[in-house]
């Protein structure tokens, strides 16, 4: 009896550890049509094994609604928050700045990945570029624009906002001086950036 209890306990511990081993520690950000829906700061947490599971984990943490539908191309996120997809608008995702050529449930995540879900309006050249903000020094930042392939270029003309101030960048770079709030970058025709302290 004692041996079988130890075996059952070991099996229970193993079953608890398996999902954790499959979950990648990633950052997940969800940018809505008019505002950030989840984690502008890109905090890392165990979010699942693929990009769709990462959205699900984020929705539990952030208490926001999303809906998945089946299509001829596989599972498709057709709504996040209040905005359903339709016509030339919808919800898309990137991993590490690039749009994968497969569905979100087919993209395996690894520790350190950045997952971005965002509202997009598609035109003749595809969806909008996304902005990524990085710190280059004390109170200095760089904004880059990432296309669907994940290629980045300086976000010329991007505007940094912090503490109610707006500062235009040069070649995507600017120093904002002392500040208390979060720094974000925006640029017409792109998806707003992540936030940094």
N, C-alpha and C. Protein backbone atom coordinates (compact mmCIF):
# COMPACT_ATOMS: atom_id res chain seq x y z
N UNK A 1 0.82 -1.19 0.00
CA UNK A 1 0.00 0.00 0.00
C UNK A 1 0.87 1.26 0.00
N UNK A 2 1.90 1.28 0.84
CA UNK A 2 2.78 2.43 0.94
C UNK A 2 3.47 2.71 -0.40
N UNK A 3 3.91 1.68 -1.09
CA UNK A 3 4.59 1.84 -2.37
C UNK A 3 3.64 2.40 -3.43
N UNK A 4 2.38 1.95 -3.45
CA UNK A 4 1.43 2.45 -4.45
C UNK A 4 1.08 3.91 -4.19
N UNK A 5 1.05 4.33 -2.91
CA UNK A 5 0.80 5.74 -2.61
C UNK A 5 1.95 6.61 -3.11
N UNK A 6 3.19 6.14 -2.93
CA UNK A 6 4.34 6.87 -3.43
C UNK A 6 4.31 6.96 -4.96
N UNK A 7 3.92 5.88 -5.61
CA UNK A 7 3.83 5.86 -7.07
C UNK A 7 2.76 6.85 -7.54
N UNK A 8 1.61 6.86 -6.88
CA UNK A 8 0.54 7.80 -7.24
C UNK A 8 0.99 9.25 -7.00
N UNK A 9 1.68 9.49 -5.91
CA UNK A 9 2.16 10.84 -5.62
C UNK A 9 3.17 11.28 -6.68
N UNK A 10 4.08 10.40 -7.06
CA UNK A 10 5.06 10.73 -8.08
C UNK A 10 4.38 11.01 -9.42
N UNK A 11 3.36 10.24 -9.77
CA UNK A 11 2.62 10.43 -11.01
C UNK A 11 1.88 11.78 -10.98
N UNK A 12 1.28 12.12 -9.85
CA UNK A 12 0.57 13.39 -9.73
C UNK A 12 1.52 14.57 -9.90
N UNK A 13 2.70 14.49 -9.28
CA UNK A 13 3.70 15.55 -9.43
C UNK A 13 4.15 15.65 -10.88
N UNK A 14 4.38 14.54 -11.54
CA UNK A 14 4.81 14.54 -12.93
C UNK A 14 3.75 15.17 -13.83
N UNK A 15 2.48 14.89 -13.59
CA UNK A 15 1.41 15.46 -14.39
C UNK A 15 1.30 16.96 -14.19
N UNK A 16 1.58 17.42 -12.98
CA UNK A 16 1.55 18.85 -12.72
C UNK A 16 2.70 19.58 -13.41
N UNK A 17 3.85 18.92 -13.52
CA UNK A 17 5.02 19.54 -14.12
C UNK A 17 5.00 19.54 -15.64
N UNK A 18 4.30 18.62 -16.27
CA UNK A 18 4.29 18.53 -17.73
C UNK A 18 3.76 19.80 -18.38
N UNK A 19 2.58 20.35 -17.98
CA UNK A 19 2.13 21.57 -18.62
C UNK A 19 3.11 22.73 -18.44
N UNK A 20 3.73 22.83 -17.28
CA UNK A 20 4.69 23.91 -17.05
C UNK A 20 5.89 23.76 -17.96
N UNK A 21 6.30 22.53 -18.25
CA UNK A 21 7.44 22.31 -19.13
C UNK A 21 7.10 22.70 -20.56
N UNK A 22 5.83 22.60 -20.95
CA UNK A 22 5.42 22.94 -22.31
C UNK A 22 5.15 24.42 -22.48
N UNK A 23 4.96 25.14 -21.39
CA UNK A 23 4.64 26.56 -21.46
C UNK A 23 5.93 27.36 -21.59
N UNK A 24 5.97 28.21 -22.62
CA UNK A 24 7.11 29.09 -22.81
C UNK A 24 6.91 30.36 -21.99
N UNK A 25 8.00 30.91 -21.50
CA UNK A 25 7.96 32.18 -20.76
C UNK A 25 8.17 33.29 -21.79
N UNK A 26 7.11 33.99 -22.14
CA UNK A 26 7.12 34.98 -23.20
C UNK A 26 6.44 36.26 -22.74
N UNK A 27 6.54 37.30 -23.54
CA UNK A 27 5.74 38.50 -23.29
C UNK A 27 4.60 38.50 -24.30
N UNK A 28 3.43 38.92 -23.85
CA UNK A 28 2.24 38.99 -24.70
C UNK A 28 1.69 40.40 -24.58
N UNK A 29 1.42 41.01 -25.73
CA UNK A 29 0.83 42.34 -25.76
C UNK A 29 -0.34 42.31 -26.72
N UNK A 30 -1.44 42.97 -26.37
CA UNK A 30 -2.61 43.04 -27.24
C UNK A 30 -2.94 44.51 -27.45
N UNK A 31 -2.84 44.95 -28.70
CA UNK A 31 -3.13 46.34 -29.06
C UNK A 31 -4.45 46.39 -29.80
N UNK A 32 -5.41 47.09 -29.22
CA UNK A 32 -6.73 47.21 -29.81
C UNK A 32 -6.81 48.30 -30.86
N UNK A 33 -8.00 48.49 -31.36
CA UNK A 33 -8.26 49.48 -32.40
C UNK A 33 -7.90 50.89 -31.92
N UNK A 34 -8.23 51.22 -30.66
CA UNK A 34 -8.01 52.57 -30.17
C UNK A 34 -7.12 52.65 -28.93
N UNK A 35 -6.82 51.50 -28.31
CA UNK A 35 -6.00 51.54 -27.09
C UNK A 35 -5.39 50.17 -26.83
N UNK A 36 -4.44 50.15 -25.90
CA UNK A 36 -3.84 48.88 -25.49
C UNK A 36 -4.87 48.11 -24.68
N UNK A 37 -5.00 46.83 -24.98
CA UNK A 37 -5.93 45.97 -24.25
C UNK A 37 -5.21 45.21 -23.15
N UNK A 38 -3.96 44.80 -23.43
CA UNK A 38 -3.24 44.01 -22.45
C UNK A 38 -1.74 44.25 -22.54
N UNK A 39 -1.12 44.49 -21.42
CA UNK A 39 0.31 44.47 -21.16
C UNK A 39 1.18 45.30 -22.10
N UNK A 40 0.96 46.59 -22.11
CA UNK A 40 1.81 47.48 -22.90
C UNK A 40 3.27 47.35 -22.49
N UNK A 41 3.52 46.95 -21.23
CA UNK A 41 4.89 46.82 -20.73
C UNK A 41 5.56 45.50 -21.14
N UNK A 42 4.83 44.62 -21.78
CA UNK A 42 5.38 43.33 -22.24
C UNK A 42 6.03 42.54 -21.10
N UNK A 43 5.31 42.33 -20.04
CA UNK A 43 5.79 41.53 -18.92
C UNK A 43 5.86 40.07 -19.33
N UNK A 44 6.92 39.38 -18.94
CA UNK A 44 7.07 37.97 -19.30
C UNK A 44 6.37 37.07 -18.29
N UNK A 45 5.71 36.03 -18.80
CA UNK A 45 5.07 35.02 -17.97
C UNK A 45 4.91 33.75 -18.78
N UNK A 46 4.61 32.64 -18.10
CA UNK A 46 4.39 31.38 -18.80
C UNK A 46 3.05 31.46 -19.49
N UNK A 47 3.07 31.40 -20.83
CA UNK A 47 1.87 31.73 -21.60
C UNK A 47 1.40 30.62 -22.51
N UNK A 48 1.97 29.43 -22.41
CA UNK A 48 1.52 28.35 -23.28
C UNK A 48 2.56 27.99 -24.31
N UNK A 49 2.22 27.03 -25.15
CA UNK A 49 3.18 26.52 -26.13
C UNK A 49 3.08 27.15 -27.50
N UNK A 50 1.97 27.88 -27.78
CA UNK A 50 1.83 28.50 -29.10
C UNK A 50 1.18 29.89 -28.95
N UNK A 51 1.10 30.63 -30.05
CA UNK A 51 0.62 32.01 -29.99
C UNK A 51 -0.85 32.11 -29.62
N UNK A 52 -1.66 31.11 -29.97
CA UNK A 52 -3.07 31.13 -29.59
C UNK A 52 -3.22 30.87 -28.09
N UNK A 53 -2.44 29.94 -27.55
CA UNK A 53 -2.46 29.71 -26.10
C UNK A 53 -1.97 30.94 -25.35
N UNK A 54 -1.03 31.67 -25.93
CA UNK A 54 -0.54 32.90 -25.30
C UNK A 54 -1.67 33.93 -25.21
N UNK A 55 -2.49 34.05 -26.27
CA UNK A 55 -3.64 34.96 -26.22
C UNK A 55 -4.62 34.51 -25.15
N UNK A 56 -4.85 33.21 -25.05
CA UNK A 56 -5.77 32.69 -24.05
C UNK A 56 -5.28 33.00 -22.64
N UNK A 57 -4.00 32.78 -22.38
CA UNK A 57 -3.44 33.08 -21.06
C UNK A 57 -3.54 34.57 -20.76
N UNK A 58 -3.25 35.41 -21.76
CA UNK A 58 -3.37 36.85 -21.57
C UNK A 58 -4.81 37.25 -21.27
N UNK A 59 -5.78 36.61 -21.94
CA UNK A 59 -7.19 36.96 -21.70
C UNK A 59 -7.62 36.61 -20.28
N UNK A 60 -7.07 35.53 -19.74
CA UNK A 60 -7.37 35.19 -18.35
C UNK A 60 -6.75 36.19 -17.39
N UNK A 61 -5.51 36.59 -17.66
CA UNK A 61 -4.83 37.55 -16.79
C UNK A 61 -5.46 38.94 -16.90
N UNK A 62 -5.83 39.34 -18.12
CA UNK A 62 -6.35 40.68 -18.35
C UNK A 62 -7.86 40.77 -18.36
N UNK A 63 -8.54 39.64 -18.22
CA UNK A 63 -10.00 39.58 -18.19
C UNK A 63 -10.63 40.25 -19.40
N UNK A 64 -10.14 39.93 -20.59
CA UNK A 64 -10.76 40.44 -21.80
C UNK A 64 -11.28 39.27 -22.64
N UNK A 65 -12.24 39.57 -23.47
CA UNK A 65 -12.91 38.57 -24.31
C UNK A 65 -12.19 38.41 -25.64
N UNK A 66 -12.13 37.18 -26.13
CA UNK A 66 -11.72 36.93 -27.51
C UNK A 66 -12.52 35.74 -28.01
N UNK A 67 -12.60 35.61 -29.33
CA UNK A 67 -13.36 34.52 -29.94
C UNK A 67 -12.57 33.91 -31.08
N UNK A 68 -12.62 32.59 -31.17
CA UNK A 68 -11.94 31.86 -32.24
C UNK A 68 -12.99 31.15 -33.06
N UNK A 69 -12.84 31.19 -34.37
CA UNK A 69 -13.74 30.46 -35.26
C UNK A 69 -12.91 29.52 -36.13
N UNK A 70 -13.55 28.48 -36.61
CA UNK A 70 -12.89 27.55 -37.53
C UNK A 70 -13.12 28.04 -38.95
N UNK A 71 -12.07 28.01 -39.76
CA UNK A 71 -12.19 28.39 -41.16
C UNK A 71 -11.48 27.34 -42.01
N UNK A 72 -11.53 27.50 -43.32
CA UNK A 72 -10.85 26.55 -44.20
C UNK A 72 -9.34 26.61 -44.01
N UNK A 73 -8.84 27.71 -43.42
CA UNK A 73 -7.41 27.85 -43.16
C UNK A 73 -7.02 27.41 -41.76
N UNK A 74 -7.99 26.98 -40.95
CA UNK A 74 -7.73 26.57 -39.58
C UNK A 74 -8.40 27.51 -38.60
N UNK A 75 -7.91 27.51 -37.38
CA UNK A 75 -8.48 28.34 -36.32
C UNK A 75 -8.09 29.80 -36.54
N UNK A 76 -9.06 30.70 -36.37
CA UNK A 76 -8.87 32.11 -36.67
C UNK A 76 -9.49 32.95 -35.55
N UNK A 77 -8.72 33.89 -35.01
CA UNK A 77 -9.23 34.81 -33.99
C UNK A 77 -10.03 35.88 -34.74
N UNK A 78 -11.35 35.85 -34.57
CA UNK A 78 -12.20 36.79 -35.29
C UNK A 78 -12.72 37.94 -34.43
N UNK A 79 -12.37 37.93 -33.13
CA UNK A 79 -12.75 39.06 -32.29
C UNK A 79 -11.90 39.08 -31.03
N UNK A 80 -11.50 40.29 -30.64
CA UNK A 80 -10.86 40.54 -29.35
C UNK A 80 -11.55 41.78 -28.80
N UNK A 81 -11.96 41.72 -27.55
CA UNK A 81 -12.67 42.87 -26.98
C UNK A 81 -13.96 43.13 -27.72
N UNK A 82 -14.22 44.37 -28.04
CA UNK A 82 -15.49 44.77 -28.66
C UNK A 82 -15.47 44.73 -30.19
N UNK A 83 -14.31 44.49 -30.81
CA UNK A 83 -14.21 44.63 -32.25
C UNK A 83 -14.11 43.29 -32.99
N UNK A 84 -15.16 42.92 -33.72
CA UNK A 84 -15.09 41.70 -34.54
C UNK A 84 -14.40 42.01 -35.87
N UNK A 85 -13.76 41.01 -36.44
CA UNK A 85 -13.13 41.16 -37.75
C UNK A 85 -14.22 41.24 -38.81
N UNK A 86 -13.90 41.88 -39.90
CA UNK A 86 -14.86 41.97 -41.00
C UNK A 86 -14.26 42.73 -42.16
N UNK A 87 -14.50 42.26 -43.38
CA UNK A 87 -13.99 42.93 -44.57
C UNK A 87 -12.48 42.97 -44.58
N UNK A 88 -11.93 44.18 -44.63
CA UNK A 88 -10.47 44.32 -44.69
C UNK A 88 -9.86 44.62 -43.32
N UNK A 89 -10.60 44.37 -42.24
CA UNK A 89 -10.07 44.60 -40.90
C UNK A 89 -10.12 43.30 -40.10
N UNK A 90 -9.22 43.17 -39.17
CA UNK A 90 -9.24 41.97 -38.34
C UNK A 90 -8.08 41.91 -37.37
N UNK A 91 -7.96 40.78 -36.71
CA UNK A 91 -6.95 40.55 -35.67
C UNK A 91 -5.85 39.68 -36.22
N UNK A 92 -4.62 40.13 -36.07
CA UNK A 92 -3.46 39.40 -36.53
C UNK A 92 -2.42 39.37 -35.41
N UNK A 93 -1.38 38.61 -35.63
CA UNK A 93 -0.35 38.49 -34.59
C UNK A 93 1.03 38.45 -35.23
N UNK A 94 2.01 38.78 -34.41
CA UNK A 94 3.42 38.66 -34.77
C UNK A 94 4.14 37.98 -33.62
N UNK A 95 5.19 37.28 -33.94
CA UNK A 95 6.10 36.73 -32.95
C UNK A 95 7.48 37.29 -33.25
N UNK A 96 8.05 37.97 -32.29
CA UNK A 96 9.35 38.63 -32.45
C UNK A 96 9.37 39.56 -33.66
N UNK A 97 8.25 40.26 -33.87
CA UNK A 97 8.18 41.26 -34.93
C UNK A 97 7.79 40.76 -36.30
N UNK A 98 7.66 39.45 -36.49
CA UNK A 98 7.33 38.90 -37.81
C UNK A 98 5.98 38.19 -37.78
N UNK A 99 5.26 38.27 -38.90
CA UNK A 99 3.97 37.58 -39.06
C UNK A 99 4.24 36.19 -39.60
N UNK A 100 4.01 35.15 -38.80
CA UNK A 100 4.24 33.78 -39.28
C UNK A 100 3.28 33.42 -40.41
N UNK A 101 3.70 32.54 -41.32
CA UNK A 101 2.86 32.15 -42.45
C UNK A 101 1.85 31.06 -42.10
N UNK A 102 1.65 30.79 -40.82
CA UNK A 102 0.73 29.74 -40.36
C UNK A 102 -0.17 30.31 -39.27
N UNK A 103 -1.19 29.55 -38.90
CA UNK A 103 -2.10 29.97 -37.85
C UNK A 103 -1.44 30.04 -36.48
N UNK A 104 -2.05 30.79 -35.59
CA UNK A 104 -1.50 31.02 -34.26
C UNK A 104 -1.33 29.74 -33.46
N UNK A 105 -2.20 28.75 -33.71
CA UNK A 105 -2.08 27.50 -32.96
C UNK A 105 -0.97 26.61 -33.50
N UNK A 106 -0.34 27.02 -34.59
CA UNK A 106 0.76 26.23 -35.19
C UNK A 106 2.13 26.83 -34.91
N UNK A 107 2.17 27.99 -34.28
CA UNK A 107 3.44 28.67 -34.01
C UNK A 107 3.94 28.29 -32.63
N UNK A 108 4.98 27.48 -32.58
CA UNK A 108 5.56 27.08 -31.29
C UNK A 108 6.37 28.23 -30.71
N UNK A 109 6.13 28.51 -29.45
CA UNK A 109 6.85 29.58 -28.77
C UNK A 109 8.02 29.01 -27.98
N UNK A 110 9.04 29.85 -27.81
CA UNK A 110 10.17 29.48 -26.96
C UNK A 110 10.41 30.61 -25.97
N UNK A 111 11.07 30.30 -24.89
CA UNK A 111 11.34 31.31 -23.86
C UNK A 111 11.95 32.56 -24.47
N UNK A 112 11.44 33.72 -24.05
CA UNK A 112 11.97 35.00 -24.50
C UNK A 112 11.25 35.59 -25.70
N UNK A 113 10.35 34.84 -26.34
CA UNK A 113 9.64 35.37 -27.51
C UNK A 113 8.74 36.54 -27.11
N UNK A 114 8.50 37.44 -28.08
CA UNK A 114 7.55 38.54 -27.93
C UNK A 114 6.35 38.23 -28.82
N UNK A 115 5.16 38.14 -28.23
CA UNK A 115 3.94 37.88 -28.98
C UNK A 115 3.10 39.16 -28.97
N UNK A 116 2.72 39.61 -30.15
CA UNK A 116 1.90 40.81 -30.29
C UNK A 116 0.65 40.45 -31.09
N UNK A 117 -0.52 40.66 -30.50
CA UNK A 117 -1.80 40.57 -31.20
C UNK A 117 -2.28 41.99 -31.42
N UNK A 118 -2.81 42.28 -32.61
CA UNK A 118 -3.22 43.66 -32.86
C UNK A 118 -4.31 43.74 -33.92
N UNK A 119 -5.08 44.83 -33.83
CA UNK A 119 -6.14 45.16 -34.77
C UNK A 119 -5.48 45.77 -36.00
N UNK A 120 -5.86 45.32 -37.18
CA UNK A 120 -5.25 45.83 -38.40
C UNK A 120 -6.29 46.07 -39.48
N UNK A 121 -6.03 47.09 -40.27
CA UNK A 121 -6.78 47.33 -41.49
C UNK A 121 -5.83 47.02 -42.63
N UNK A 122 -6.26 46.14 -43.52
CA UNK A 122 -5.40 45.70 -44.61
C UNK A 122 -5.68 46.48 -45.88
N UNK A 123 -4.61 46.81 -46.60
CA UNK A 123 -4.71 47.52 -47.86
C UNK A 123 -4.01 46.73 -48.94
N UNK A 124 -3.73 47.36 -50.07
CA UNK A 124 -3.10 46.66 -51.19
C UNK A 124 -1.72 46.10 -50.86
N UNK A 125 -1.03 46.70 -49.89
CA UNK A 125 0.31 46.22 -49.55
C UNK A 125 0.33 45.38 -48.28
N UNK A 126 -0.84 45.04 -47.75
CA UNK A 126 -0.91 44.22 -46.54
C UNK A 126 -1.33 45.03 -45.33
N UNK A 127 -0.91 44.55 -44.16
CA UNK A 127 -1.28 45.21 -42.90
C UNK A 127 -0.29 46.30 -42.52
N UNK A 128 -0.59 47.01 -41.45
CA UNK A 128 0.28 48.10 -41.01
C UNK A 128 1.54 47.58 -40.34
N UNK A 129 2.64 48.35 -40.42
CA UNK A 129 3.83 48.00 -39.65
C UNK A 129 3.52 48.19 -38.16
N UNK A 130 4.32 47.58 -37.34
CA UNK A 130 4.19 47.72 -35.89
C UNK A 130 5.43 48.42 -35.35
N UNK A 131 5.26 49.15 -34.27
CA UNK A 131 6.39 49.86 -33.68
C UNK A 131 6.95 49.09 -32.49
N UNK A 132 8.26 49.12 -32.36
CA UNK A 132 8.95 48.54 -31.22
C UNK A 132 9.83 49.62 -30.62
N UNK A 133 9.69 49.84 -29.32
CA UNK A 133 10.46 50.85 -28.62
C UNK A 133 11.51 50.17 -27.75
N UNK A 134 12.76 50.64 -27.86
CA UNK A 134 13.84 50.13 -27.01
C UNK A 134 14.54 51.31 -26.34
N UNK A 135 15.20 51.02 -25.23
CA UNK A 135 15.97 52.05 -24.52
C UNK A 135 17.39 52.01 -25.05
N UNK A 136 17.95 53.20 -25.35
CA UNK A 136 19.32 53.26 -25.86
C UNK A 136 20.29 53.85 -24.86
N UNK A 137 19.77 54.43 -23.82
CA UNK A 137 20.60 55.05 -22.78
C UNK A 137 19.68 55.63 -21.74
N UNK A 138 20.26 56.34 -20.81
CA UNK A 138 19.45 56.94 -19.75
C UNK A 138 18.48 57.96 -20.36
N UNK A 139 17.19 57.70 -20.22
CA UNK A 139 16.12 58.56 -20.73
C UNK A 139 16.12 58.73 -22.26
N UNK A 140 16.82 57.86 -22.97
CA UNK A 140 16.88 57.92 -24.44
C UNK A 140 16.30 56.63 -25.02
N UNK A 141 15.60 56.78 -26.16
CA UNK A 141 14.84 55.68 -26.73
C UNK A 141 14.99 55.65 -28.25
N UNK A 142 14.71 54.47 -28.79
CA UNK A 142 14.72 54.28 -30.25
C UNK A 142 13.45 53.55 -30.65
N UNK A 143 12.76 54.08 -31.64
CA UNK A 143 11.56 53.44 -32.18
C UNK A 143 11.88 52.90 -33.57
N UNK A 144 11.54 51.63 -33.79
CA UNK A 144 11.69 51.04 -35.12
C UNK A 144 10.33 50.56 -35.59
N UNK A 145 10.17 50.56 -36.89
CA UNK A 145 8.96 50.08 -37.54
C UNK A 145 9.27 48.70 -38.10
N UNK A 146 8.46 47.69 -37.71
CA UNK A 146 8.68 46.31 -38.16
C UNK A 146 7.62 45.93 -39.18
N UNK A 147 8.08 45.46 -40.37
CA UNK A 147 7.12 45.00 -41.37
C UNK A 147 6.73 43.56 -41.08
N UNK A 148 5.88 42.96 -41.91
CA UNK A 148 5.40 41.60 -41.65
C UNK A 148 6.51 40.56 -41.63
N UNK A 149 7.61 40.82 -42.35
CA UNK A 149 8.73 39.89 -42.35
C UNK A 149 9.60 40.03 -41.11
N UNK A 150 9.32 41.05 -40.29
CA UNK A 150 10.11 41.27 -39.09
C UNK A 150 11.31 42.16 -39.32
N UNK A 151 11.44 42.69 -40.54
CA UNK A 151 12.53 43.61 -40.85
C UNK A 151 12.21 44.96 -40.24
N UNK A 152 13.18 45.52 -39.54
CA UNK A 152 12.90 46.81 -38.93
C UNK A 152 13.72 47.91 -39.58
N UNK A 153 13.16 49.10 -39.48
CA UNK A 153 13.85 50.31 -39.95
C UNK A 153 13.48 51.42 -38.99
N UNK A 154 14.30 52.44 -38.96
CA UNK A 154 14.05 53.57 -38.06
C UNK A 154 12.66 54.13 -38.33
N UNK A 155 11.93 54.40 -37.28
CA UNK A 155 10.57 54.95 -37.40
C UNK A 155 10.67 56.47 -37.51
N UNK A 156 11.09 56.93 -38.69
CA UNK A 156 11.26 58.36 -38.92
C UNK A 156 9.96 59.10 -38.66
N UNK A 157 10.03 60.15 -37.85
CA UNK A 157 8.86 60.95 -37.54
C UNK A 157 8.01 60.41 -36.40
N UNK A 158 8.40 59.30 -35.80
CA UNK A 158 7.64 58.77 -34.66
C UNK A 158 7.62 59.80 -33.54
N UNK A 159 6.55 59.79 -32.78
CA UNK A 159 6.40 60.71 -31.66
C UNK A 159 6.41 59.91 -30.37
N UNK A 160 7.27 60.32 -29.43
CA UNK A 160 7.29 59.69 -28.11
C UNK A 160 6.40 60.51 -27.19
N UNK A 161 5.59 59.81 -26.40
CA UNK A 161 4.75 60.49 -25.41
C UNK A 161 5.14 60.00 -24.03
N UNK A 162 5.24 60.95 -23.09
CA UNK A 162 5.56 60.64 -21.71
C UNK A 162 5.13 61.81 -20.84
N UNK A 163 4.49 61.52 -19.73
CA UNK A 163 4.08 62.54 -18.76
C UNK A 163 3.32 63.70 -19.41
N UNK A 164 2.48 63.40 -20.38
CA UNK A 164 1.70 64.44 -21.04
C UNK A 164 2.47 65.24 -22.08
N UNK A 165 3.73 64.92 -22.29
CA UNK A 165 4.55 65.61 -23.30
C UNK A 165 4.66 64.75 -24.55
N UNK A 166 4.84 65.41 -25.68
CA UNK A 166 5.05 64.74 -26.96
C UNK A 166 6.38 65.22 -27.54
N UNK A 167 7.20 64.29 -28.00
CA UNK A 167 8.51 64.65 -28.55
C UNK A 167 8.74 63.89 -29.85
N UNK A 168 8.97 64.64 -30.93
CA UNK A 168 9.22 64.02 -32.23
C UNK A 168 10.64 63.46 -32.27
N UNK A 169 10.77 62.28 -32.86
CA UNK A 169 12.08 61.64 -32.95
C UNK A 169 12.80 62.07 -34.23
N UNK A 170 14.09 61.88 -34.23
CA UNK A 170 14.91 62.03 -35.44
C UNK A 170 15.49 60.66 -35.72
N UNK A 171 15.21 60.15 -36.91
CA UNK A 171 15.64 58.80 -37.27
C UNK A 171 15.19 57.79 -36.22
N UNK A 172 14.02 58.04 -35.63
CA UNK A 172 13.44 57.14 -34.64
C UNK A 172 14.02 57.26 -33.25
N UNK A 173 14.92 58.22 -33.02
CA UNK A 173 15.60 58.35 -31.73
C UNK A 173 15.26 59.68 -31.06
N UNK A 174 15.16 59.62 -29.72
CA UNK A 174 14.96 60.85 -28.95
C UNK A 174 15.29 60.59 -27.49
N UNK A 175 15.73 61.64 -26.81
CA UNK A 175 15.92 61.59 -25.36
C UNK A 175 14.81 62.45 -24.75
N UNK A 176 14.14 61.92 -23.75
CA UNK A 176 12.95 62.58 -23.21
C UNK A 176 13.22 63.32 -21.90
N UNK A 177 14.41 63.22 -21.37
CA UNK A 177 14.71 63.88 -20.10
C UNK A 177 14.08 63.11 -18.94
N UNK A 178 14.18 63.71 -17.76
CA UNK A 178 13.63 63.05 -16.57
C UNK A 178 12.13 62.89 -16.73
N UNK A 179 11.63 61.75 -16.29
CA UNK A 179 10.19 61.49 -16.41
C UNK A 179 9.77 60.48 -15.35
N UNK A 180 8.47 60.44 -15.10
CA UNK A 180 7.91 59.49 -14.13
C UNK A 180 7.09 58.41 -14.82
N UNK A 181 6.42 58.76 -15.89
CA UNK A 181 5.48 57.85 -16.53
C UNK A 181 6.12 56.95 -17.57
N UNK A 182 5.24 56.24 -18.27
CA UNK A 182 5.67 55.33 -19.32
C UNK A 182 5.91 56.09 -20.61
N UNK A 183 6.87 55.61 -21.39
CA UNK A 183 7.18 56.19 -22.69
C UNK A 183 6.60 55.27 -23.76
N UNK A 184 5.89 55.85 -24.74
CA UNK A 184 5.31 55.10 -25.86
C UNK A 184 5.64 55.84 -27.14
N UNK A 185 5.65 55.11 -28.23
CA UNK A 185 5.87 55.71 -29.55
C UNK A 185 4.64 55.50 -30.42
N UNK A 186 4.30 56.53 -31.19
CA UNK A 186 3.22 56.43 -32.17
C UNK A 186 3.71 57.02 -33.49
N UNK A 187 3.11 56.55 -34.56
CA UNK A 187 3.42 57.05 -35.90
C UNK A 187 2.22 56.73 -36.76
N UNK A 188 1.71 57.71 -37.47
CA UNK A 188 0.54 57.51 -38.33
C UNK A 188 0.77 56.33 -39.26
N UNK A 189 -0.24 55.46 -39.35
CA UNK A 189 -0.18 54.31 -40.24
C UNK A 189 0.50 53.09 -39.66
N UNK A 190 0.87 53.14 -38.36
CA UNK A 190 1.50 52.00 -37.70
C UNK A 190 0.73 51.65 -36.43
N UNK A 191 1.02 50.47 -35.90
CA UNK A 191 0.45 50.04 -34.61
C UNK A 191 1.34 50.61 -33.51
N UNK A 192 0.72 51.21 -32.49
CA UNK A 192 1.48 51.86 -31.40
C UNK A 192 2.50 50.89 -30.79
N UNK A 193 3.51 51.46 -30.18
CA UNK A 193 4.61 50.65 -29.61
C UNK A 193 4.25 50.09 -28.25
N UNK A 194 5.14 49.25 -27.77
CA UNK A 194 5.14 48.82 -26.37
C UNK A 194 5.48 50.04 -25.51
N UNK A 195 5.33 49.92 -24.22
CA UNK A 195 5.66 51.00 -23.29
C UNK A 195 6.91 50.62 -22.50
N UNK A 196 7.69 51.62 -22.17
CA UNK A 196 8.88 51.43 -21.34
C UNK A 196 8.86 52.45 -20.22
N UNK A 197 9.49 52.10 -19.12
CA UNK A 197 9.58 53.02 -17.98
C UNK A 197 10.69 54.01 -18.22
